[in-house]
Amino acid sequence: MVDTQPRLWTIRGIQLDGEVRPRLKVDHLDIVAGRTAVLGASGAGKTSLLNLLVGFESPHHGRIENQLPTGTGRLPLFWIPPDGGLWPQATVDEHLQAVTPGGQQSSQDTLARFGLDHLQNTRPGQLSAGERSRLAVARGLAANADVLVADEPLVHVDPARLDRDWESLVNETRQSGTSLVFSTHSPEQALRHANRVVVLSGGQVIAEGHVATLYEHPPTREVAECLGPVNWFEPEDAIAWAVGDENMCLRPEHVVLEADSSGPARVVHSHAIGAIRETRLELVDRDHQRTILHLADSAPPTSDLRVKITRRVTPG
């Protein structure tokens, strides 16, 4: 799939040095307009990459070219750092008034969307961690920049309202034409809210591209696991479990355990964890077991049932 979106940043051969090893080492990466997730575990290099994008740090080697929009009458860039970057002396309302081109009403509407309108005279030190996270995002949206860079936004928000606040963030950027670059350790947030994803591990880019493509066709097991629950088969295992003869990535929603008296495996046990079922299988011709993840949308398979692993057919 060819990208037609304009580039925002071009990175070539950059390195950020660390005490023991480089904190970040990227040979080639383009960040384009739209919504890009920077995904990885703690210490993967997410913050280091975002720091480079916004100019908070400079690479020790290589170059990064800023190609942000110009002449739009808007701020080219607004940054939400990992600690939110709030001003301790300013009230909630003053945080938005300082950056809001649209004035008082626009500020009040944004505060209301994030459940902060009743706290407008409160300072950050009197807010909970979740409220501070929401204020940082509300201020970032109020700035109405061409590009919003957010380092793990909404990370402290209670689960009960997390999806609602993410929807507000994404909808606001979509409606205003703001590109969003955000870091996260959550594959769910990347899959739900990004068009493209950059996957980091050990300070290096291990994959980048369209989210849907990498989810369905990850190049390695590590990339597959970064993007959510997966049944990964190396070629030898794929042959043994009769699912193919090469590396296979089967997501839980793709898997069906079909009863088959001549199937290669038997059920050891099975239990559901929410929408996903974990079923332990054992090969009948050798002492080898593995857990298969599949949807818990049918009756659980019974112990000792002979089965084969098949791919769910989706109506096309």
Protein backbone atom coordinates (compact mmCIF):
# COMPACT_ATOMS: atom_id res chain seq x y z
CA MET A 1 0.00 0.00 0.00
CA VAL A 2 1.50 3.33 -1.12
CA ASP A 3 1.26 6.31 1.23
CA THR A 4 -0.15 9.49 -0.28
CA GLN A 5 -0.09 11.49 2.95
CA PRO A 6 2.50 14.29 3.21
CA ARG A 7 5.56 13.65 5.34
CA LEU A 8 5.87 15.37 8.69
CA TRP A 9 9.32 14.10 9.64
CA THR A 10 12.08 12.28 7.78
CA ILE A 11 14.61 10.38 9.90
CA ARG A 12 17.85 9.03 8.45
CA GLY A 13 20.59 7.21 10.36
CA ILE A 14 19.90 8.79 13.75
CA GLN A 15 21.33 7.64 17.05
CA LEU A 16 20.76 8.83 20.61
CA ASP A 17 23.60 7.62 22.80
CA GLY A 18 23.04 6.06 26.22
CA GLU A 19 25.30 4.99 29.07
CA VAL A 20 25.55 1.34 27.98
CA ARG A 21 23.95 1.19 24.53
CA PRO A 22 22.18 3.63 22.22
CA ARG A 23 18.83 4.72 23.60
CA LEU A 24 17.57 4.96 20.04
CA LYS A 25 19.00 3.89 16.69
CA VAL A 26 16.87 4.37 13.58
CA ASP A 27 18.19 3.91 10.05
CA HIS A 28 15.15 5.05 8.08
CA LEU A 29 11.74 6.28 9.17
CA ASP A 30 9.11 8.63 7.75
CA ILE A 31 6.29 9.97 9.90
CA VAL A 32 3.36 11.05 7.72
CA ALA A 33 0.20 13.03 8.32
CA GLY A 34 -2.70 11.18 9.93
CA ARG A 35 -2.66 9.20 13.17
CA THR A 36 0.53 7.33 14.04
CA ALA A 37 1.06 5.16 17.12
CA VAL A 38 4.56 4.60 18.48
CA LEU A 39 4.20 1.22 20.18
CA GLY A 40 6.52 -0.65 22.50
CA ALA A 41 7.20 -1.85 26.02
CA SER A 42 8.77 0.32 28.73
CA GLY A 43 12.32 1.19 27.73
CA ALA A 44 11.72 0.48 24.04
CA GLY A 45 12.62 4.04 23.01
CA LYS A 46 9.19 5.63 22.61
CA THR A 47 9.91 8.78 24.61
CA SER A 48 13.33 9.16 22.99
CA LEU A 49 11.75 9.10 19.53
CA LEU A 50 9.07 11.63 20.43
CA ASN A 51 11.67 13.88 22.08
CA LEU A 52 13.51 13.96 18.75
CA LEU A 53 10.36 14.75 16.80
CA VAL A 54 9.51 17.79 18.93
CA GLY A 55 13.12 18.99 19.22
CA PHE A 56 13.43 18.40 22.96
CA GLU A 57 16.54 16.33 22.18
CA SER A 58 18.92 16.24 19.23
CA PRO A 59 20.50 13.09 17.78
CA HIS A 60 24.18 12.42 18.38
CA HIS A 61 24.41 11.02 14.86
CA GLY A 62 22.27 11.26 11.73
CA ARG A 63 19.61 13.75 10.78
CA ILE A 64 15.93 14.42 11.31
CA GLU A 65 14.12 16.75 8.91
CA ASN A 66 11.07 18.66 10.09
CA GLN A 67 8.50 19.00 7.30
CA LEU A 68 5.58 20.31 9.37
CA PRO A 69 2.87 22.36 7.65
CA THR A 70 3.49 26.09 7.26
CA GLY A 71 1.30 29.03 6.37
CA THR A 72 -1.87 27.51 7.85
CA GLY A 73 -2.40 30.18 10.50
CA ARG A 74 -2.14 27.51 13.19
CA LEU A 75 0.62 26.41 15.52
CA PRO A 76 2.67 23.86 13.58
CA LEU A 77 3.16 21.61 16.63
CA PHE A 78 1.99 21.06 20.20
CA TRP A 79 3.61 18.55 22.55
CA ILE A 80 2.15 16.67 25.50
CA PRO A 81 5.22 15.36 27.39
CA PRO A 82 5.08 12.22 29.54
CA ASP A 83 4.46 14.19 32.75
CA GLY A 84 1.81 16.35 31.08
CA GLY A 85 3.90 19.53 31.27
CA LEU A 86 1.27 21.33 33.34
CA TRP A 87 1.95 24.71 34.94
CA PRO A 88 1.68 24.38 38.75
CA GLN A 89 0.67 28.03 39.27
CA ALA A 90 -2.13 28.03 36.65
CA THR A 91 -5.72 26.92 37.14
CA VAL A 92 -7.42 24.38 34.89
CA ASP A 93 -9.18 27.18 33.02
CA GLU A 94 -5.98 29.21 32.66
CA HIS A 95 -4.23 26.24 31.05
CA LEU A 96 -6.72 26.32 28.20
CA GLN A 97 -7.09 30.09 27.99
CA ALA A 98 -3.34 30.39 27.44
CA VAL A 99 -3.47 28.33 24.24
CA THR A 100 -7.06 28.62 22.95
CA PRO A 101 -7.42 30.63 19.75
CA GLY A 102 -11.22 30.31 19.90
CA GLY A 103 -11.65 32.04 23.24
CA GLN A 104 -13.79 31.33 26.29
CA GLN A 105 -16.57 29.20 24.80
CA SER A 106 -14.20 26.88 22.97
CA SER A 107 -12.25 26.44 26.20
CA GLN A 108 -15.38 25.59 28.20
CA ASP A 109 -16.55 23.07 25.61
CA THR A 110 -13.20 21.27 25.70
CA LEU A 111 -13.16 21.15 29.51
CA ALA A 112 -16.69 19.74 29.53
CA ARG A 113 -15.78 16.97 27.10
CA PHE A 114 -13.06 15.80 29.47
CA GLY A 115 -15.14 16.17 32.63
CA LEU A 116 -13.10 19.09 33.95
CA ASP A 117 -15.59 21.96 33.72
CA HIS A 118 -16.36 21.77 37.46
CA LEU A 119 -12.64 22.05 38.25
CA GLN A 120 -11.80 25.15 36.21
CA ASN A 121 -10.47 27.12 39.21
CA THR A 122 -8.35 24.22 40.48
CA ARG A 123 -4.57 23.99 40.16
CA PRO A 124 -2.71 20.81 39.09
CA GLY A 125 -1.49 20.02 42.60
CA GLN A 126 -5.11 19.58 43.70
CA LEU A 127 -6.03 17.26 40.84
CA SER A 128 -5.84 13.47 40.72
CA ALA A 129 -3.37 11.82 38.34
CA GLY A 130 -6.22 10.99 35.96
CA GLU A 131 -7.52 14.56 36.00
CA ARG A 132 -4.04 15.88 35.25
CA SER A 133 -3.79 13.47 32.29
CA ARG A 134 -7.12 14.72 30.96
CA LEU A 135 -6.11 18.36 31.44
CA ALA A 136 -2.88 17.83 29.50
CA VAL A 137 -4.85 16.37 26.57
CA ALA A 138 -7.56 19.05 26.77
CA ARG A 139 -4.89 21.78 26.60
CA GLY A 140 -3.21 20.03 23.67
CA LEU A 141 -6.47 19.93 21.74
CA ALA A 142 -7.34 23.52 22.64
CA ALA A 143 -4.07 24.69 21.06
CA ASN A 144 -5.47 23.58 17.67
CA ALA A 145 -2.03 22.83 16.23
CA ASP A 146 -1.41 21.19 12.87
CA VAL A 147 0.34 18.29 14.64
CA LEU A 148 -0.19 17.03 18.19
CA VAL A 149 2.54 14.81 19.66
CA ALA A 150 1.44 13.02 22.84
CA ASP A 151 3.65 10.81 25.02
CA GLU A 152 1.37 8.11 26.51
CA PRO A 153 -1.69 10.38 26.74
CA LEU A 154 -4.47 9.55 29.23
CA VAL A 155 -2.24 6.91 30.83
CA HIS A 156 -3.56 7.63 34.35
CA VAL A 157 -7.25 7.86 33.45
CA ASP A 158 -9.65 5.43 35.14
CA PRO A 159 -10.68 2.48 32.92
CA ALA A 160 -14.35 3.46 33.28
CA ARG A 161 -13.86 6.60 31.21
CA LEU A 162 -10.69 5.82 29.27
CA ASP A 163 -12.44 4.84 26.01
CA ARG A 164 -14.63 7.94 26.15
CA ASP A 165 -11.63 10.25 26.58
CA TRP A 166 -9.71 8.53 23.79
CA GLU A 167 -12.71 8.95 21.49
CA SER A 168 -12.81 12.66 22.36
CA LEU A 169 -9.10 12.99 21.60
CA VAL A 170 -9.30 11.20 18.26
CA ASN A 171 -12.57 12.81 17.15
CA GLU A 172 -11.27 16.30 17.93
CA THR A 173 -8.08 15.76 15.94
CA ARG A 174 -10.02 14.26 13.04
CA GLN A 175 -12.52 17.13 12.90
CA SER A 176 -9.82 19.82 13.13
CA GLY A 177 -7.49 18.14 10.64
CA THR A 178 -4.78 17.75 13.26
CA SER A 179 -2.27 14.94 12.78
CA LEU A 180 -1.73 12.89 15.94
CA VAL A 181 1.46 11.08 16.88
CA PHE A 182 1.13 9.23 20.18
CA SER A 183 3.17 6.70 22.10
CA THR A 184 1.58 3.78 23.90
CA HIS A 185 2.34 0.36 25.32
CA SER A 186 -1.25 -0.73 24.62
CA PRO A 187 -1.88 -2.62 21.36
CA GLU A 188 -5.60 -1.94 21.79
CA GLN A 189 -5.08 1.82 21.62
CA ALA A 190 -2.82 1.50 18.58
CA LEU A 191 -5.27 -0.78 16.75
CA ARG A 192 -8.30 1.30 17.60
CA HIS A 193 -7.01 4.80 17.04
CA ALA A 194 -4.02 4.80 14.64
CA ASN A 195 -3.73 4.52 10.87
CA ARG A 196 -0.03 3.69 11.06
CA VAL A 197 2.19 2.20 13.73
CA VAL A 198 5.90 2.30 14.52
CA VAL A 199 6.92 -0.70 16.66
CA LEU A 200 10.00 -0.20 18.83
CA SER A 201 12.09 -2.73 20.76
CA GLY A 202 15.45 -2.15 22.40
CA GLY A 203 15.72 1.32 20.90
CA GLN A 204 15.23 0.14 17.32
CA VAL A 205 12.33 0.13 14.87
CA ILE A 206 11.37 -3.51 14.34
CA ALA A 207 8.37 -2.74 12.14
CA GLU A 208 6.42 0.20 10.76
CA GLY A 209 3.50 0.51 8.42
CA HIS A 210 -0.26 0.43 8.26
CA VAL A 211 -1.79 -0.95 11.46
CA ALA A 212 -4.15 -3.40 9.76
CA THR A 213 -1.39 -4.82 7.56
CA LEU A 214 1.04 -5.40 10.43
CA TYR A 215 -1.72 -6.86 12.59
CA GLU A 216 -2.65 -9.44 9.97
CA HIS A 217 0.82 -10.03 8.50
CA PRO A 218 3.53 -9.27 11.07
CA PRO A 219 7.07 -10.06 9.90
CA THR A 220 8.15 -11.69 13.19
CA ARG A 221 6.74 -13.20 16.35
CA GLU A 222 7.91 -10.19 18.38
CA VAL A 223 5.99 -7.78 16.18
CA ALA A 224 2.94 -10.06 16.26
CA GLU A 225 2.94 -10.14 20.07
CA CYS A 226 3.40 -6.35 20.30
CA LEU A 227 0.12 -5.94 18.42
CA GLY A 228 -1.99 -8.18 20.64
CA PRO A 229 -2.92 -11.79 21.45
CA VAL A 230 -1.66 -14.22 18.82
CA ASN A 231 -1.08 -17.88 18.03
CA TRP A 232 2.35 -17.88 16.37
CA PHE A 233 3.66 -21.00 14.66
CA GLU A 234 7.22 -21.49 13.47
CA PRO A 235 7.39 -23.68 10.32
CA GLU A 236 8.12 -26.92 12.22
CA ASP A 237 5.22 -26.31 14.61
CA ALA A 238 2.92 -25.26 11.78
CA ILE A 239 3.49 -28.63 10.12
CA ALA A 240 3.03 -30.58 13.36
CA TRP A 241 -0.23 -28.81 14.19
CA ALA A 242 -1.40 -29.04 10.55
CA VAL A 243 -1.90 -25.30 10.04
CA GLY A 244 0.67 -24.73 7.27
CA ASP A 245 4.34 -25.09 6.44
CA GLU A 246 5.75 -21.61 7.17
CA ASN A 247 5.59 -18.93 9.85
CA MET A 248 1.92 -18.54 10.70
CA CYS A 249 0.18 -15.73 12.58
CA LEU A 250 -3.32 -16.70 13.68
CA ARG A 251 -5.17 -14.13 15.77
CA PRO A 252 -7.81 -15.44 18.20
CA GLU A 253 -10.63 -14.18 15.98
CA HIS A 254 -9.23 -16.22 13.09
CA VAL A 255 -9.13 -19.58 14.90
CA VAL A 256 -11.74 -22.33 15.10
CA LEU A 257 -11.14 -25.61 16.93
CA GLU A 258 -13.09 -28.05 14.82
CA ALA A 259 -14.03 -31.47 16.18
CA ASP A 260 -12.36 -34.12 14.03
CA SER A 261 -11.84 -37.75 15.01
CA SER A 262 -8.63 -37.81 12.97
CA GLY A 263 -7.43 -34.38 14.07
CA PRO A 264 -3.79 -33.98 15.21
CA ALA A 265 -4.61 -32.81 18.74
CA ARG A 266 -6.80 -33.50 21.74
CA VAL A 267 -8.19 -31.03 24.26
CA VAL A 268 -6.55 -31.03 27.69
CA HIS A 269 -8.61 -28.24 29.25
CA SER A 270 -10.27 -24.96 28.28
CA HIS A 271 -11.36 -21.78 30.03
CA ALA A 272 -12.62 -18.36 29.00
CA ILE A 273 -11.04 -15.03 29.95
CA GLY A 274 -13.61 -12.48 28.86
CA ALA A 275 -14.06 -12.65 25.09
CA ILE A 276 -11.02 -14.91 24.61
CA ARG A 277 -10.86 -18.62 25.35
CA GLU A 278 -7.60 -20.37 26.21
CA THR A 279 -7.64 -24.03 25.22
CA ARG A 280 -4.74 -26.32 26.05
CA LEU A 281 -4.09 -28.87 23.32
CA GLU A 282 -1.79 -31.87 23.12
CA LEU A 283 -0.55 -33.53 19.95
CA VAL A 284 -1.74 -37.12 19.83
CA ASP A 285 1.43 -38.49 18.24
CA ARG A 286 3.98 -36.87 20.56
CA ASP A 287 4.32 -35.39 24.04
CA HIS A 288 3.86 -31.76 23.08
CA GLN A 289 1.31 -29.24 24.31
CA ARG A 290 0.46 -25.62 23.58
CA THR A 291 -2.28 -23.15 24.44
CA ILE A 292 -4.48 -21.91 21.61
CA LEU A 293 -6.25 -18.56 21.89
CA HIS A 294 -9.64 -18.31 20.19
CA LEU A 295 -12.94 -16.52 20.64
CA ALA A 296 -15.21 -17.61 23.47
CA ASP A 297 -18.26 -17.43 21.21
CA SER A 298 -19.32 -21.07 21.34
CA ALA A 299 -19.57 -23.94 23.80
CA PRO A 300 -16.20 -24.86 25.34
CA PRO A 301 -14.51 -27.92 23.83
CA THR A 302 -14.62 -30.92 26.15
CA SER A 303 -11.55 -32.67 27.52
CA ASP A 304 -10.08 -35.44 25.31
CA LEU A 305 -11.99 -34.21 22.25
CA ARG A 306 -9.96 -34.71 19.05
CA VAL A 307 -9.71 -31.46 17.12
CA LYS A 308 -7.99 -29.71 14.26
CA ILE A 309 -7.13 -26.02 14.07
CA THR A 310 -8.85 -24.26 11.18
CA ARG A 311 -9.06 -20.66 10.03
CA ARG A 312 -12.39 -18.96 10.54
CA VAL A 313 -14.04 -18.02 7.27
CA THR A 314 -15.31 -14.45 7.29
CA PRO A 315 -18.10 -13.49 4.89
CA GLY A 316 -16.65 -11.50 2.04
